Structures are given as C-alpha cells and as structure tokens.
Amino acid sequence: VRITNGLGSYEIWFVYVSSSDMTEWGDDWLGSTRILSPGNTITVNVAPGTYDIMVEDEDGDTYSNYGAEVGPSGYSWTPTLSDMD
C-alpha cells in the first residue's frame, strides 16, 4: 500500500492500515519519530486482501479509505483535504 500525502501544506503524523475484518486500527506505521511531509510517500507492506486505511494530520483531522482492495501489484492512495472524515 503506497500512501502519498496530498493534504496541501499539512503533515501526516499517523498512518493506520488494518485488515477490513479487524475492529481496531493497530499500530501507527509511521512510528513515534516519523512524519509524512506533503508530497512524500510511505509504503506499507501487506498481503493481498481488503484493508481499511486512515491517516491523521498535524491538526488531528482524520482521512479514511475503507474497503481498499490490495492486489498483487499493490494499492495507491493519495488522501486530499476533500477526504476528511
């Protein structure tokens, strides 16, 4: 799963990718010391399947993508301000 920060000037501070059958988000893929600056990309390695993706920006706003189908060639998502929850 490739996630590119398309939030204009906002940094992404948290990235969550969880199987759609999970009830909790799990761990933050950025960790405690990393941020995703505007225009930058993070790759999260997961097996093919159906996933829910959520990112949280520096202001605490969240952006979610539910039911993303990750195939053998992966999946790309660029959250934008219009994706805000």
N, C-alpha and C. Protein backbone atom coordinates (compact mmCIF):
# COMPACT_ATOMS: atom_id res chain seq x y z
N VAL A 1 0.86 -1.17 0.00
CA VAL A 1 0.00 0.00 0.00
C VAL A 1 0.90 1.22 0.00
N ARG A 2 0.74 2.07 -1.03
CA ARG A 2 1.51 3.30 -1.12
C ARG A 2 0.58 4.48 -0.80
N ILE A 3 0.95 5.26 0.20
CA ILE A 3 0.16 6.41 0.63
C ILE A 3 1.01 7.65 0.40
N THR A 4 0.48 8.57 -0.40
CA THR A 4 1.17 9.82 -0.69
C THR A 4 0.40 10.96 -0.04
N ASN A 5 1.09 11.82 0.67
CA ASN A 5 0.46 12.95 1.34
C ASN A 5 0.03 13.99 0.31
N GLY A 6 -1.29 14.10 0.11
CA GLY A 6 -1.86 15.08 -0.80
C GLY A 6 -2.66 16.14 -0.06
N LEU A 7 -2.28 16.42 1.19
CA LEU A 7 -3.04 17.33 2.06
C LEU A 7 -2.55 18.78 1.98
N GLY A 8 -1.99 19.16 0.86
CA GLY A 8 -1.52 20.54 0.75
C GLY A 8 -0.33 20.78 1.65
N SER A 9 -0.44 21.72 2.59
CA SER A 9 0.68 22.05 3.47
C SER A 9 0.66 21.29 4.79
N TYR A 10 -0.29 20.38 4.97
CA TYR A 10 -0.41 19.65 6.24
C TYR A 10 0.44 18.38 6.24
N GLU A 11 1.11 18.15 7.37
CA GLU A 11 1.87 16.92 7.56
C GLU A 11 0.93 15.82 8.06
N ILE A 12 1.24 14.59 7.69
CA ILE A 12 0.54 13.43 8.24
C ILE A 12 1.39 12.90 9.38
N TRP A 13 0.78 12.76 10.54
CA TRP A 13 1.51 12.32 11.72
C TRP A 13 1.26 10.85 12.06
N PHE A 14 0.14 10.29 11.58
CA PHE A 14 -0.19 8.89 11.87
C PHE A 14 -0.74 8.22 10.62
N VAL A 15 -0.34 6.97 10.40
CA VAL A 15 -0.84 6.16 9.28
C VAL A 15 -1.25 4.80 9.84
N TYR A 16 -2.49 4.41 9.57
CA TYR A 16 -3.00 3.12 10.01
C TYR A 16 -3.50 2.34 8.80
N VAL A 17 -3.09 1.09 8.70
CA VAL A 17 -3.57 0.19 7.65
C VAL A 17 -3.91 -1.12 8.36
N SER A 18 -5.19 -1.48 8.34
CA SER A 18 -5.65 -2.69 9.02
C SER A 18 -6.56 -3.48 8.12
N SER A 19 -6.50 -4.79 8.26
CA SER A 19 -7.42 -5.65 7.52
C SER A 19 -8.85 -5.21 7.83
N SER A 20 -9.70 -5.22 6.81
CA SER A 20 -11.08 -4.74 6.99
C SER A 20 -11.87 -5.54 8.01
N ASP A 21 -11.44 -6.75 8.33
CA ASP A 21 -12.17 -7.55 9.31
C ASP A 21 -11.71 -7.29 10.75
N MET A 22 -10.76 -6.39 10.94
CA MET A 22 -10.28 -6.04 12.28
C MET A 22 -11.20 -4.96 12.88
N THR A 23 -11.30 -4.96 14.20
CA THR A 23 -12.15 -3.97 14.88
C THR A 23 -11.35 -2.80 15.42
N GLU A 24 -10.01 -2.90 15.41
CA GLU A 24 -9.15 -1.81 15.88
C GLU A 24 -8.11 -1.50 14.81
N TRP A 25 -7.56 -0.28 14.86
CA TRP A 25 -6.60 0.15 13.85
C TRP A 25 -5.23 -0.49 14.01
N GLY A 26 -4.82 -0.80 15.21
CA GLY A 26 -3.48 -1.34 15.40
C GLY A 26 -2.45 -0.24 15.50
N ASP A 27 -1.20 -0.59 15.19
CA ASP A 27 -0.08 0.33 15.37
C ASP A 27 0.01 1.36 14.24
N ASP A 28 0.58 2.50 14.59
CA ASP A 28 0.87 3.56 13.64
C ASP A 28 2.08 3.15 12.81
N TRP A 29 1.93 3.12 11.49
CA TRP A 29 3.01 2.69 10.61
C TRP A 29 4.14 3.71 10.50
N LEU A 30 3.92 4.94 10.90
CA LEU A 30 5.00 5.94 10.87
C LEU A 30 5.89 5.85 12.10
N GLY A 31 5.38 5.28 13.17
CA GLY A 31 6.15 5.21 14.41
C GLY A 31 6.16 6.56 15.11
N SER A 32 6.86 6.62 16.21
CA SER A 32 6.80 7.81 17.06
C SER A 32 7.73 8.94 16.61
N THR A 33 8.62 8.69 15.66
CA THR A 33 9.59 9.72 15.29
C THR A 33 9.50 10.17 13.84
N ARG A 34 8.56 9.65 13.08
CA ARG A 34 8.50 9.95 11.65
C ARG A 34 7.20 10.67 11.31
N ILE A 35 7.27 11.58 10.34
CA ILE A 35 6.08 12.22 9.80
C ILE A 35 6.10 12.07 8.28
N LEU A 36 4.94 12.26 7.66
CA LEU A 36 4.85 12.20 6.20
C LEU A 36 4.58 13.61 5.70
N SER A 37 5.63 14.24 5.19
CA SER A 37 5.53 15.61 4.70
C SER A 37 4.72 15.66 3.41
N PRO A 38 4.16 16.84 3.07
CA PRO A 38 3.39 16.98 1.84
C PRO A 38 4.16 16.49 0.62
N GLY A 39 3.50 15.67 -0.19
CA GLY A 39 4.09 15.14 -1.40
C GLY A 39 4.91 13.88 -1.22
N ASN A 40 5.25 13.53 0.02
CA ASN A 40 6.05 12.33 0.27
C ASN A 40 5.16 11.10 0.36
N THR A 41 5.79 9.92 0.19
CA THR A 41 5.07 8.65 0.15
C THR A 41 5.64 7.68 1.16
N ILE A 42 4.75 6.87 1.77
CA ILE A 42 5.16 5.75 2.61
C ILE A 42 4.59 4.49 1.96
N THR A 43 5.36 3.41 2.03
CA THR A 43 4.89 2.11 1.54
C THR A 43 4.72 1.19 2.74
N VAL A 44 3.53 0.61 2.87
CA VAL A 44 3.21 -0.33 3.93
C VAL A 44 3.06 -1.70 3.27
N ASN A 45 3.88 -2.65 3.67
CA ASN A 45 3.84 -3.98 3.07
C ASN A 45 2.81 -4.86 3.76
N VAL A 46 1.79 -5.26 2.99
CA VAL A 46 0.74 -6.14 3.48
C VAL A 46 0.46 -7.19 2.41
N ALA A 47 -0.14 -8.28 2.82
CA ALA A 47 -0.55 -9.32 1.88
C ALA A 47 -1.77 -8.85 1.10
N PRO A 48 -2.00 -9.39 -0.10
CA PRO A 48 -3.21 -9.03 -0.83
C PRO A 48 -4.45 -9.30 0.02
N GLY A 49 -5.44 -8.43 -0.10
CA GLY A 49 -6.68 -8.55 0.67
C GLY A 49 -7.41 -7.22 0.71
N THR A 50 -8.39 -7.13 1.61
CA THR A 50 -9.20 -5.92 1.76
C THR A 50 -8.78 -5.21 3.03
N TYR A 51 -8.47 -3.92 2.91
CA TYR A 51 -7.93 -3.15 4.02
C TYR A 51 -8.66 -1.83 4.21
N ASP A 52 -8.63 -1.35 5.44
CA ASP A 52 -9.09 -0.01 5.78
C ASP A 52 -7.84 0.82 6.07
N ILE A 53 -7.83 2.04 5.56
CA ILE A 53 -6.68 2.92 5.71
C ILE A 53 -7.14 4.23 6.33
N MET A 54 -6.40 4.71 7.32
CA MET A 54 -6.71 6.01 7.92
C MET A 54 -5.40 6.74 8.17
N VAL A 55 -5.41 8.04 7.86
CA VAL A 55 -4.28 8.90 8.22
C VAL A 55 -4.82 10.04 9.08
N GLU A 56 -3.93 10.56 9.91
CA GLU A 56 -4.28 11.70 10.77
C GLU A 56 -3.25 12.79 10.58
N ASP A 57 -3.73 14.03 10.36
CA ASP A 57 -2.80 15.13 10.12
C ASP A 57 -2.38 15.80 11.42
N GLU A 58 -1.55 16.81 11.28
CA GLU A 58 -0.98 17.52 12.43
C GLU A 58 -2.02 18.21 13.29
N ASP A 59 -3.22 18.49 12.74
CA ASP A 59 -4.29 19.12 13.50
C ASP A 59 -5.23 18.12 14.15
N GLY A 60 -4.99 16.82 13.93
CA GLY A 60 -5.85 15.78 14.48
C GLY A 60 -7.02 15.42 13.57
N ASP A 61 -7.07 15.99 12.36
CA ASP A 61 -8.11 15.62 11.40
C ASP A 61 -7.78 14.26 10.80
N THR A 62 -8.81 13.44 10.56
CA THR A 62 -8.60 12.11 10.00
C THR A 62 -9.19 12.02 8.61
N TYR A 63 -8.61 11.11 7.83
CA TYR A 63 -8.99 10.86 6.44
C TYR A 63 -8.99 9.34 6.29
N SER A 64 -10.13 8.77 5.87
CA SER A 64 -10.25 7.31 5.85
C SER A 64 -10.62 6.80 4.46
N ASN A 65 -10.14 5.60 4.19
CA ASN A 65 -10.42 4.89 2.95
C ASN A 65 -10.75 3.46 3.35
N TYR A 66 -12.03 3.10 3.31
CA TYR A 66 -12.48 1.78 3.76
C TYR A 66 -12.65 0.84 2.58
N GLY A 67 -12.28 -0.42 2.78
CA GLY A 67 -12.51 -1.45 1.77
C GLY A 67 -11.58 -1.38 0.58
N ALA A 68 -10.37 -0.91 0.78
CA ALA A 68 -9.40 -0.85 -0.31
C ALA A 68 -8.96 -2.27 -0.68
N GLU A 69 -9.09 -2.61 -1.95
CA GLU A 69 -8.70 -3.93 -2.44
C GLU A 69 -7.23 -3.90 -2.85
N VAL A 70 -6.39 -4.57 -2.08
CA VAL A 70 -4.96 -4.63 -2.36
C VAL A 70 -4.68 -5.91 -3.13
N GLY A 71 -4.24 -5.76 -4.36
CA GLY A 71 -3.93 -6.90 -5.20
C GLY A 71 -2.44 -7.18 -5.20
N PRO A 72 -2.00 -8.13 -6.05
CA PRO A 72 -0.58 -8.49 -6.10
C PRO A 72 0.33 -7.31 -6.48
N SER A 73 -0.19 -6.35 -7.22
CA SER A 73 0.63 -5.19 -7.60
C SER A 73 0.48 -4.04 -6.62
N GLY A 74 -0.26 -4.25 -5.54
CA GLY A 74 -0.39 -3.23 -4.51
C GLY A 74 -1.60 -2.33 -4.69
N TYR A 75 -1.57 -1.20 -3.99
CA TYR A 75 -2.68 -0.24 -4.00
C TYR A 75 -2.09 1.12 -3.66
N SER A 76 -2.53 2.15 -4.33
CA SER A 76 -2.05 3.51 -4.05
C SER A 76 -3.22 4.41 -3.65
N TRP A 77 -2.98 5.26 -2.67
CA TRP A 77 -3.99 6.22 -2.23
C TRP A 77 -3.29 7.53 -1.89
N THR A 78 -3.84 8.62 -2.38
CA THR A 78 -3.36 9.95 -2.05
C THR A 78 -4.51 10.70 -1.38
N PRO A 79 -4.54 10.69 -0.03
CA PRO A 79 -5.61 11.43 0.64
C PRO A 79 -5.47 12.94 0.37
N THR A 80 -6.61 13.59 0.15
CA THR A 80 -6.65 15.03 -0.05
C THR A 80 -7.59 15.63 0.98
N LEU A 81 -7.63 16.94 1.05
CA LEU A 81 -8.49 17.61 2.04
C LEU A 81 -9.96 17.23 1.84
N SER A 82 -10.36 16.89 0.63
CA SER A 82 -11.77 16.50 0.39
C SER A 82 -12.10 15.13 0.97
N ASP A 83 -11.09 14.36 1.41
CA ASP A 83 -11.31 13.06 2.02
C ASP A 83 -11.48 13.14 3.54
N MET A 84 -11.45 14.35 4.10
CA MET A 84 -11.53 14.49 5.55
C MET A 84 -12.82 13.86 6.09
N ASP A 85 -12.68 13.11 7.20
CA ASP A 85 -13.85 12.46 7.84
C ASP A 85 -14.76 13.47 8.47
